[in-house]
Amino acid sequence: MAIMDYKQIIDRVQAASPESPIAVFRTPDHKLEAVFGATVEARKRIERAKRREFVGLFHNQMPGEKVTETLMRASWY
């Protein structure tokens, strides 16, 4: 678990392959938490997450502008 700002998460996403994406969650105090998304624990957490809590799974094959926009919006709410 790592609480990060969206710029730090973008750096992690740029190094993440589709086979090992980064899962991003919003904490109750509106911070972003990034974890490895391919783990059993992360998958369980995604399944349990409420809609506003789970931001998404991201990897380096996704359009950078879309990832940045999604993370920026998540960090504001």
PDB file of N, CA and C in Angstrom:
ATOM      1  N   MET A   1       0.835  -1.168   0.000  1.00  0.00           N
ATOM      2  CA  MET A   1       0.000   0.000   0.000  1.00  0.00           C
ATOM      3  C   MET A   1       0.883   1.235   0.000  1.00  0.00           C
ATOM      4  N   ALA A   2       0.527   2.181  -0.841  1.00  0.00           N
ATOM      5  CA  ALA A   2       1.302   3.411  -0.895  1.00  0.00           C
ATOM      6  C   ALA A   2       0.377   4.581  -1.206  1.00  0.00           C
ATOM      7  N   ILE A   3       0.325   5.537  -0.305  1.00  0.00           N
ATOM      8  CA  ILE A   3      -0.429   6.765  -0.534  1.00  0.00           C
ATOM      9  C   ILE A   3       0.477   7.674  -1.358  1.00  0.00           C
ATOM     10  N   MET A   4      -0.041   8.134  -2.491  1.00  0.00           N
ATOM     11  CA  MET A   4       0.767   8.942  -3.410  1.00  0.00           C
ATOM     12  C   MET A   4      -0.089  10.018  -4.040  1.00  0.00           C
ATOM     13  N   ASP A   5       0.573  11.026  -4.601  1.00  0.00           N
ATOM     14  CA  ASP A   5      -0.180  11.980  -5.409  1.00  0.00           C
ATOM     15  C   ASP A   5      -0.256  11.413  -6.831  1.00  0.00           C
ATOM     16  N   TYR A   6      -1.105  12.009  -7.654  1.00  0.00           N
ATOM     17  CA  TYR A   6      -1.341  11.433  -8.973  1.00  0.00           C
ATOM     18  C   TYR A   6      -0.081  11.412  -9.843  1.00  0.00           C
ATOM     19  N   LYS A   7       0.828  12.342  -9.657  1.00  0.00           N
ATOM     20  CA  LYS A   7       2.064  12.360 -10.446  1.00  0.00           C
ATOM     21  C   LYS A   7       2.949  11.158 -10.118  1.00  0.00           C
ATOM     22  N   GLN A   8       3.016  10.797  -8.854  1.00  0.00           N
ATOM     23  CA  GLN A   8       3.794   9.624  -8.458  1.00  0.00           C
ATOM     24  C   GLN A   8       3.170   8.345  -9.008  1.00  0.00           C
ATOM     25  N   ILE A   9       1.852   8.295  -9.007  1.00  0.00           N
ATOM     26  CA  ILE A   9       1.171   7.113  -9.541  1.00  0.00           C
ATOM     27  C   ILE A   9       1.405   7.001 -11.033  1.00  0.00           C
ATOM     28  N   ILE A  10       1.404   8.106 -11.750  1.00  0.00           N
ATOM     29  CA  ILE A  10       1.675   8.081 -13.188  1.00  0.00           C
ATOM     30  C   ILE A  10       3.049   7.473 -13.451  1.00  0.00           C
ATOM     31  N   ASP A  11       4.046   7.809 -12.645  1.00  0.00           N
ATOM     32  CA  ASP A  11       5.379   7.216 -12.796  1.00  0.00           C
ATOM     33  C   ASP A  11       5.319   5.697 -12.642  1.00  0.00           C
ATOM     34  N   ARG A  12       4.548   5.216 -11.677  1.00  0.00           N
ATOM     35  CA  ARG A  12       4.410   3.770 -11.481  1.00  0.00           C
ATOM     36  C   ARG A  12       3.675   3.133 -12.653  1.00  0.00           C
ATOM     37  N   VAL A  13       2.650   3.799 -13.141  1.00  0.00           N
ATOM     38  CA  VAL A  13       1.873   3.268 -14.268  1.00  0.00           C
ATOM     39  C   VAL A  13       2.749   3.145 -15.509  1.00  0.00           C
ATOM     40  N   GLN A  14       3.615   4.099 -15.740  1.00  0.00           N
ATOM     41  CA  GLN A  14       4.485   4.063 -16.915  1.00  0.00           C
ATOM     42  C   GLN A  14       5.421   2.864 -16.913  1.00  0.00           C
ATOM     43  N   ALA A  15       5.678   2.295 -15.737  1.00  0.00           N
ATOM     44  CA  ALA A  15       6.539   1.114 -15.641  1.00  0.00           C
ATOM     45  C   ALA A  15       5.741  -0.186 -15.514  1.00  0.00           C
ATOM     46  N   ALA A  16       4.420  -0.094 -15.457  1.00  0.00           N
ATOM     47  CA  ALA A  16       3.581  -1.273 -15.225  1.00  0.00           C
ATOM     48  C   ALA A  16       3.110  -1.894 -16.536  1.00  0.00           C
ATOM     49  N   SER A  17       3.335  -3.174 -16.677  1.00  0.00           N
ATOM     50  CA  SER A  17       2.870  -3.891 -17.869  1.00  0.00           C
ATOM     51  C   SER A  17       1.386  -4.241 -17.717  1.00  0.00           C
ATOM     52  N   PRO A  18       0.729  -4.588 -18.828  1.00  0.00           N
ATOM     53  CA  PRO A  18      -0.675  -5.011 -18.729  1.00  0.00           C
ATOM     54  C   PRO A  18      -0.853  -6.244 -17.832  1.00  0.00           C
ATOM     55  N   GLU A  19       0.169  -7.081 -17.746  1.00  0.00           N
ATOM     56  CA  GLU A  19       0.105  -8.272 -16.907  1.00  0.00           C
ATOM     57  C   GLU A  19       0.252  -7.945 -15.419  1.00  0.00           C
ATOM     58  N   SER A  20       0.793  -6.775 -15.122  1.00  0.00           N
ATOM     59  CA  SER A  20       1.005  -6.362 -13.733  1.00  0.00           C
ATOM     60  C   SER A  20       0.608  -4.893 -13.568  1.00  0.00           C
ATOM     61  N   PRO A  21      -0.689  -4.610 -13.696  1.00  0.00           N
ATOM     62  CA  PRO A  21      -1.148  -3.221 -13.628  1.00  0.00           C
ATOM     63  C   PRO A  21      -1.105  -2.661 -12.206  1.00  0.00           C
ATOM     64  N   ILE A  22      -1.311  -1.377 -12.130  1.00  0.00           N
ATOM     65  CA  ILE A  22      -1.402  -0.681 -10.851  1.00  0.00           C
ATOM     66  C   ILE A  22      -2.883  -0.426 -10.569  1.00  0.00           C
ATOM     67  N   ALA A  23      -3.336  -0.870  -9.396  1.00  0.00           N
ATOM     68  CA  ALA A  23      -4.710  -0.601  -8.952  1.00  0.00           C
ATOM     69  C   ALA A  23      -4.686   0.649  -8.086  1.00  0.00           C
ATOM     70  N   VAL A  24      -5.632   1.533  -8.329  1.00  0.00           N
ATOM     71  CA  VAL A  24      -5.688   2.785  -7.577  1.00  0.00           C
ATOM     72  C   VAL A  24      -7.030   2.879  -6.860  1.00  0.00           C
ATOM     73  N   PHE A  25      -6.940   3.232  -5.583  1.00  0.00           N
ATOM     74  CA  PHE A  25      -8.111   3.391  -4.737  1.00  0.00           C
ATOM     75  C   PHE A  25      -8.090   4.787  -4.124  1.00  0.00           C
ATOM     76  N   ARG A  26      -9.272   5.318  -3.824  1.00  0.00           N
ATOM     77  CA  ARG A  26      -9.392   6.589  -3.131  1.00  0.00           C
ATOM     78  C   ARG A  26      -9.628   6.270  -1.653  1.00  0.00           C
ATOM     79  N   THR A  27      -8.855   6.888  -0.782  1.00  0.00           N
ATOM     80  CA  THR A  27      -9.004   6.666   0.649  1.00  0.00           C
ATOM     81  C   THR A  27     -10.165   7.512   1.178  1.00  0.00           C
ATOM     82  N   PRO A  28     -10.659   7.223   2.385  1.00  0.00           N
ATOM     83  CA  PRO A  28     -11.756   8.024   2.944  1.00  0.00           C
ATOM     84  C   PRO A  28     -11.418   9.520   3.069  1.00  0.00           C
ATOM     85  N   ASP A  29     -10.133   9.842   3.203  1.00  0.00           N
ATOM     86  CA  ASP A  29      -9.746  11.253   3.293  1.00  0.00           C
ATOM     87  C   ASP A  29      -9.311  11.818   1.933  1.00  0.00           C
ATOM     88  N   HIS A  30      -9.748  11.159   0.850  1.00  0.00           N
ATOM     89  CA  HIS A  30      -9.603  11.631  -0.533  1.00  0.00           C
ATOM     90  C   HIS A  30      -8.162  11.623  -1.056  1.00  0.00           C
ATOM     91  N   LYS A  31      -7.321  10.785  -0.498  1.00  0.00           N
ATOM     92  CA  LYS A  31      -5.982  10.588  -1.045  1.00  0.00           C
ATOM     93  C   LYS A  31      -6.035   9.399  -1.987  1.00  0.00           C
ATOM     94  N   LEU A  32      -4.989   9.222  -2.782  1.00  0.00           N
ATOM     95  CA  LEU A  32      -4.918   8.086  -3.695  1.00  0.00           C
ATOM     96  C   LEU A  32      -3.942   7.057  -3.167  1.00  0.00           C
ATOM     97  N   GLU A  33      -4.341   5.807  -3.265  1.00  0.00           N
ATOM     98  CA  GLU A  33      -3.508   4.695  -2.832  1.00  0.00           C
ATOM     99  C   GLU A  33      -3.251   3.793  -4.039  1.00  0.00           C
ATOM    100  N   ALA A  34      -1.994   3.495  -4.313  1.00  0.00           N
ATOM    101  CA  ALA A  34      -1.625   2.646  -5.441  1.00  0.00           C
ATOM    102  C   ALA A  34      -1.037   1.338  -4.932  1.00  0.00           C
ATOM    103  N   VAL A  35      -1.514   0.225  -5.514  1.00  0.00           N
ATOM    104  CA  VAL A  35      -1.010  -1.102  -5.165  1.00  0.00           C
ATOM    105  C   VAL A  35      -0.843  -1.910  -6.446  1.00  0.00           C
ATOM    106  N   PHE A  36      -0.051  -2.989  -6.377  1.00  0.00           N
ATOM    107  CA  PHE A  36       0.054  -3.876  -7.531  1.00  0.00           C
ATOM    108  C   PHE A  36      -1.301  -4.533  -7.737  1.00  0.00           C
ATOM    109  N   GLY A  37      -1.832  -4.422  -8.937  1.00  0.00           N
ATOM    110  CA  GLY A  37      -3.197  -4.871  -9.199  1.00  0.00           C
ATOM    111  C   GLY A  37      -3.367  -6.332  -9.522  1.00  0.00           C
ATOM    112  N   ALA A  38      -2.289  -7.059  -9.727  1.00  0.00           N
ATOM    113  CA  ALA A  38      -2.399  -8.458 -10.122  1.00  0.00           C
ATOM    114  C   ALA A  38      -2.329  -9.423  -8.944  1.00  0.00           C
ATOM    115  N   THR A  39      -2.296  -8.911  -7.734  1.00  0.00           N
ATOM    116  CA  THR A  39      -2.210  -9.792  -6.573  1.00  0.00           C
ATOM    117  C   THR A  39      -3.609 -10.278  -6.164  1.00  0.00           C
ATOM    118  N   VAL A  40      -3.645 -11.387  -5.468  1.00  0.00           N
ATOM    119  CA  VAL A  40      -4.915 -11.926  -4.982  1.00  0.00           C
ATOM    120  C   VAL A  40      -5.588 -10.909  -4.060  1.00  0.00           C
ATOM    121  N   GLU A  41      -4.826 -10.313  -3.172  1.00  0.00           N
ATOM    122  CA  GLU A  41      -5.386  -9.339  -2.230  1.00  0.00           C
ATOM    123  C   GLU A  41      -5.980  -8.130  -2.972  1.00  0.00           C
ATOM    124  N   ALA A  42      -5.277  -7.637  -3.988  1.00  0.00           N
ATOM    125  CA  ALA A  42      -5.791  -6.492  -4.750  1.00  0.00           C
ATOM    126  C   ALA A  42      -7.084  -6.857  -5.470  1.00  0.00           C
ATOM    127  N   ARG A  43      -7.130  -8.050  -6.059  1.00  0.00           N
ATOM    128  CA  ARG A  43      -8.351  -8.482  -6.768  1.00  0.00           C
ATOM    129  C   ARG A  43      -9.539  -8.580  -5.812  1.00  0.00           C
ATOM    130  N   LYS A  44      -9.296  -9.111  -4.617  1.00  0.00           N
ATOM    131  CA  LYS A  44     -10.370  -9.188  -3.623  1.00  0.00           C
ATOM    132  C   LYS A  44     -10.827  -7.792  -3.215  1.00  0.00           C
ATOM    133  N   ARG A  45      -9.866  -6.905  -3.043  1.00  0.00           N
ATOM    134  CA  ARG A  45     -10.213  -5.540  -2.644  1.00  0.00           C
ATOM    135  C   ARG A  45     -11.027  -4.843  -3.730  1.00  0.00           C
ATOM    136  N   ILE A  46     -10.659  -5.068  -4.988  1.00  0.00           N
ATOM    137  CA  ILE A  46     -11.411  -4.486  -6.108  1.00  0.00           C
ATOM    138  C   ILE A  46     -12.850  -4.990  -6.087  1.00  0.00           C
ATOM    139  N   GLU A  47     -13.028  -6.277  -5.862  1.00  0.00           N
ATOM    140  CA  GLU A  47     -14.370  -6.855  -5.826  1.00  0.00           C
ATOM    141  C   GLU A  47     -15.208  -6.283  -4.683  1.00  0.00           C
ATOM    142  N   ARG A  48     -14.574  -5.996  -3.549  1.00  0.00           N
ATOM    143  CA  ARG A  48     -15.278  -5.479  -2.377  1.00  0.00           C
ATOM    144  C   ARG A  48     -15.484  -3.967  -2.415  1.00  0.00           C
ATOM    145  N   ALA A  49     -14.730  -3.274  -3.236  1.00  0.00           N
ATOM    146  CA  ALA A  49     -14.708  -1.812  -3.213  1.00  0.00           C
ATOM    147  C   ALA A  49     -16.040  -1.203  -3.641  1.00  0.00           C
ATOM    148  N   LYS A  50     -16.362  -0.123  -2.999  1.00  0.00           N
ATOM    149  CA  LYS A  50     -17.511   0.672  -3.414  1.00  0.00           C
ATOM    150  C   LYS A  50     -17.107   1.462  -4.658  1.00  0.00           C
ATOM    151  N   ARG A  51     -18.063   1.853  -5.408  1.00  0.00           N
ATOM    152  CA  ARG A  51     -17.813   2.534  -6.683  1.00  0.00           C
ATOM    153  C   ARG A  51     -16.885   3.743  -6.554  1.00  0.00           C
ATOM    154  N   ARG A  52     -17.072   4.559  -5.552  1.00  0.00           N
ATOM    155  CA  ARG A  52     -16.261   5.778  -5.410  1.00  0.00           C
ATOM    156  C   ARG A  52     -14.870   5.476  -4.872  1.00  0.00           C
ATOM    157  N   GLU A  53     -14.683   4.298  -4.277  1.00  0.00           N
ATOM    158  CA  GLU A  53     -13.395   3.953  -3.684  1.00  0.00           C
ATOM    159  C   GLU A  53     -12.394   3.457  -4.736  1.00  0.00           C
ATOM    160  N   PHE A  54     -12.837   2.622  -5.660  1.00  0.00           N
ATOM    161  CA  PHE A  54     -11.942   2.058  -6.671  1.00  0.00           C
ATOM    162  C   PHE A  54     -11.864   2.994  -7.874  1.00  0.00           C
ATOM    163  N   VAL A  55     -10.662   3.473  -8.163  1.00  0.00           N
ATOM    164  CA  VAL A  55     -10.461   4.403  -9.277  1.00  0.00           C
ATOM    165  C   VAL A  55     -10.248   3.643 -10.580  1.00  0.00           C
ATOM    166  N   GLY A  56      -9.411   2.601 -10.547  1.00  0.00           N
ATOM    167  CA  GLY A  56      -9.191   1.810 -11.749  1.00  0.00           C
ATOM    168  C   GLY A  56      -7.879   1.048 -11.729  1.00  0.00           C
ATOM    169  N   LEU A  57      -7.697   0.233 -12.782  1.00  0.00           N
ATOM    170  CA  LEU A  57      -6.452  -0.492 -13.034  1.00  0.00           C
ATOM    171  C   LEU A  57      -5.761   0.200 -14.205  1.00  0.00           C
ATOM    172  N   PHE A  58      -4.464   0.438 -14.074  1.00  0.00           N
ATOM    173  CA  PHE A  58      -3.735   1.202 -15.096  1.00  0.00           C
ATOM    174  C   PHE A  58      -2.415   0.513 -15.444  1.00  0.00           C
ATOM    175  N   HIS A  59      -2.019   0.628 -16.717  1.00  0.00           N
ATOM    176  CA  HIS A  59      -0.734   0.080 -17.163  1.00  0.00           C
ATOM    177  C   HIS A  59      -0.183   0.935 -18.304  1.00  0.00           C
ATOM    178  N   ASN A  60       1.045   0.628 -18.715  1.00  0.00           N
ATOM    179  CA  ASN A  60       1.760   1.475 -19.665  1.00  0.00           C
ATOM    180  C   ASN A  60       1.264   1.398 -21.111  1.00  0.00           C
ATOM    181  N   GLN A  61       0.329   0.524 -21.419  1.00  0.00           N
ATOM    182  CA  GLN A  61      -0.224   0.458 -22.774  1.00  0.00           C
ATOM    183  C   GLN A  61      -1.494   1.302 -22.920  1.00  0.00           C
ATOM    184  N   MET A  62      -1.904   1.926 -21.843  1.00  0.00           N
ATOM    185  CA  MET A  62      -3.095   2.781 -21.869  1.00  0.00           C
ATOM    186  C   MET A  62      -2.698   4.188 -22.305  1.00  0.00           C
ATOM    187  N   PRO A  63      -3.628   4.916 -22.944  1.00  0.00           N
ATOM    188  CA  PRO A  63      -3.325   6.300 -23.341  1.00  0.00           C
ATOM    189  C   PRO A  63      -2.970   7.159 -22.129  1.00  0.00           C
ATOM    190  N   GLY A  64      -1.800   7.763 -22.153  1.00  0.00           N
ATOM    191  CA  GLY A  64      -1.304   8.553 -21.036  1.00  0.00           C
ATOM    192  C   GLY A  64      -2.212   9.692 -20.636  1.00  0.00           C
ATOM    193  N   GLU A  65      -2.825  10.348 -21.627  1.00  0.00           N
ATOM    194  CA  GLU A  65      -3.696  11.481 -21.326  1.00  0.00           C
ATOM    195  C   GLU A  65      -4.921  11.034 -20.525  1.00  0.00           C
ATOM    196  N   LYS A  66      -5.451   9.874 -20.887  1.00  0.00           N
ATOM    197  CA  LYS A  66      -6.641   9.357 -20.200  1.00  0.00           C
ATOM    198  C   LYS A  66      -6.299   8.957 -18.765  1.00  0.00           C
ATOM    199  N   VAL A  67      -5.141   8.319 -18.579  1.00  0.00           N
ATOM    200  CA  VAL A  67      -4.704   7.938 -17.234  1.00  0.00           C
ATOM    201  C   VAL A  67      -4.529   9.191 -16.376  1.00  0.00           C
ATOM    202  N   THR A  68      -3.839  10.175 -16.923  1.00  0.00           N
ATOM    203  CA  THR A  68      -3.605  11.420 -16.186  1.00  0.00           C
ATOM    204  C   THR A  68      -4.925  12.088 -15.816  1.00  0.00           C
ATOM    205  N   GLU A  69      -5.841  12.195 -16.761  1.00  0.00           N
ATOM    206  CA  GLU A  69      -7.136  12.824 -16.500  1.00  0.00           C
ATOM    207  C   GLU A  69      -7.909  12.074 -15.413  1.00  0.00           C
ATOM    208  N   THR A  70      -7.940  10.754 -15.497  1.00  0.00           N
ATOM    209  CA  THR A  70      -8.665   9.956 -14.512  1.00  0.00           C
ATOM    210  C   THR A  70      -8.084  10.126 -13.117  1.00  0.00           C
ATOM    211  N   LEU A  71      -6.756  10.087 -13.018  1.00  0.00           N
ATOM    212  CA  LEU A  71      -6.111  10.225 -11.711  1.00  0.00           C
ATOM    213  C   LEU A  71      -6.271  11.636 -11.143  1.00  0.00           C
ATOM    214  N   MET A  72      -6.187  12.638 -12.006  1.00  0.00           N
ATOM    215  CA  MET A  72      -6.373  14.010 -11.534  1.00  0.00           C
ATOM    216  C   MET A  72      -7.791  14.201 -10.994  1.00  0.00           C
ATOM    217  N   ARG A  73      -8.774  13.708 -11.727  1.00  0.00           N
ATOM    218  CA  ARG A  73     -10.162  13.846 -11.268  1.00  0.00           C
ATOM    219  C   ARG A  73     -10.379  13.117  -9.947  1.00  0.00           C
ATOM    220  N   ALA A  74      -9.793  11.929  -9.832  1.00  0.00           N
ATOM    221  CA  ALA A  74      -9.948  11.151  -8.597  1.00  0.00           C
ATOM    222  C   ALA A  74      -9.311  11.847  -7.409  1.00  0.00           C
ATOM    223  N   SER A  75      -8.227  12.562  -7.639  1.00  0.00           N
ATOM    224  CA  SER A  75      -7.539  13.221  -6.537  1.00  0.00           C
ATOM    225  C   SER A  75      -8.267  14.486  -6.078  1.00  0.00           C
ATOM    226  N   TRP A  76      -9.179  14.996  -6.879  1.00  0.00           N
ATOM    227  CA  TRP A  76      -9.913  16.211  -6.536  1.00  0.00           C
ATOM    228  C   TRP A  76     -11.178  15.946  -5.761  1.00  0.00           C
ATOM    229  N   TYR A  77     -11.673  14.711  -5.809  1.00  0.00           N
ATOM    230  CA  TYR A  77     -12.985  14.422  -5.182  1.00  0.00           C
ATOM    231  C   TYR A  77     -12.832  13.576  -3.974  1.00  0.00           C
TER     232      TYR A  77
END
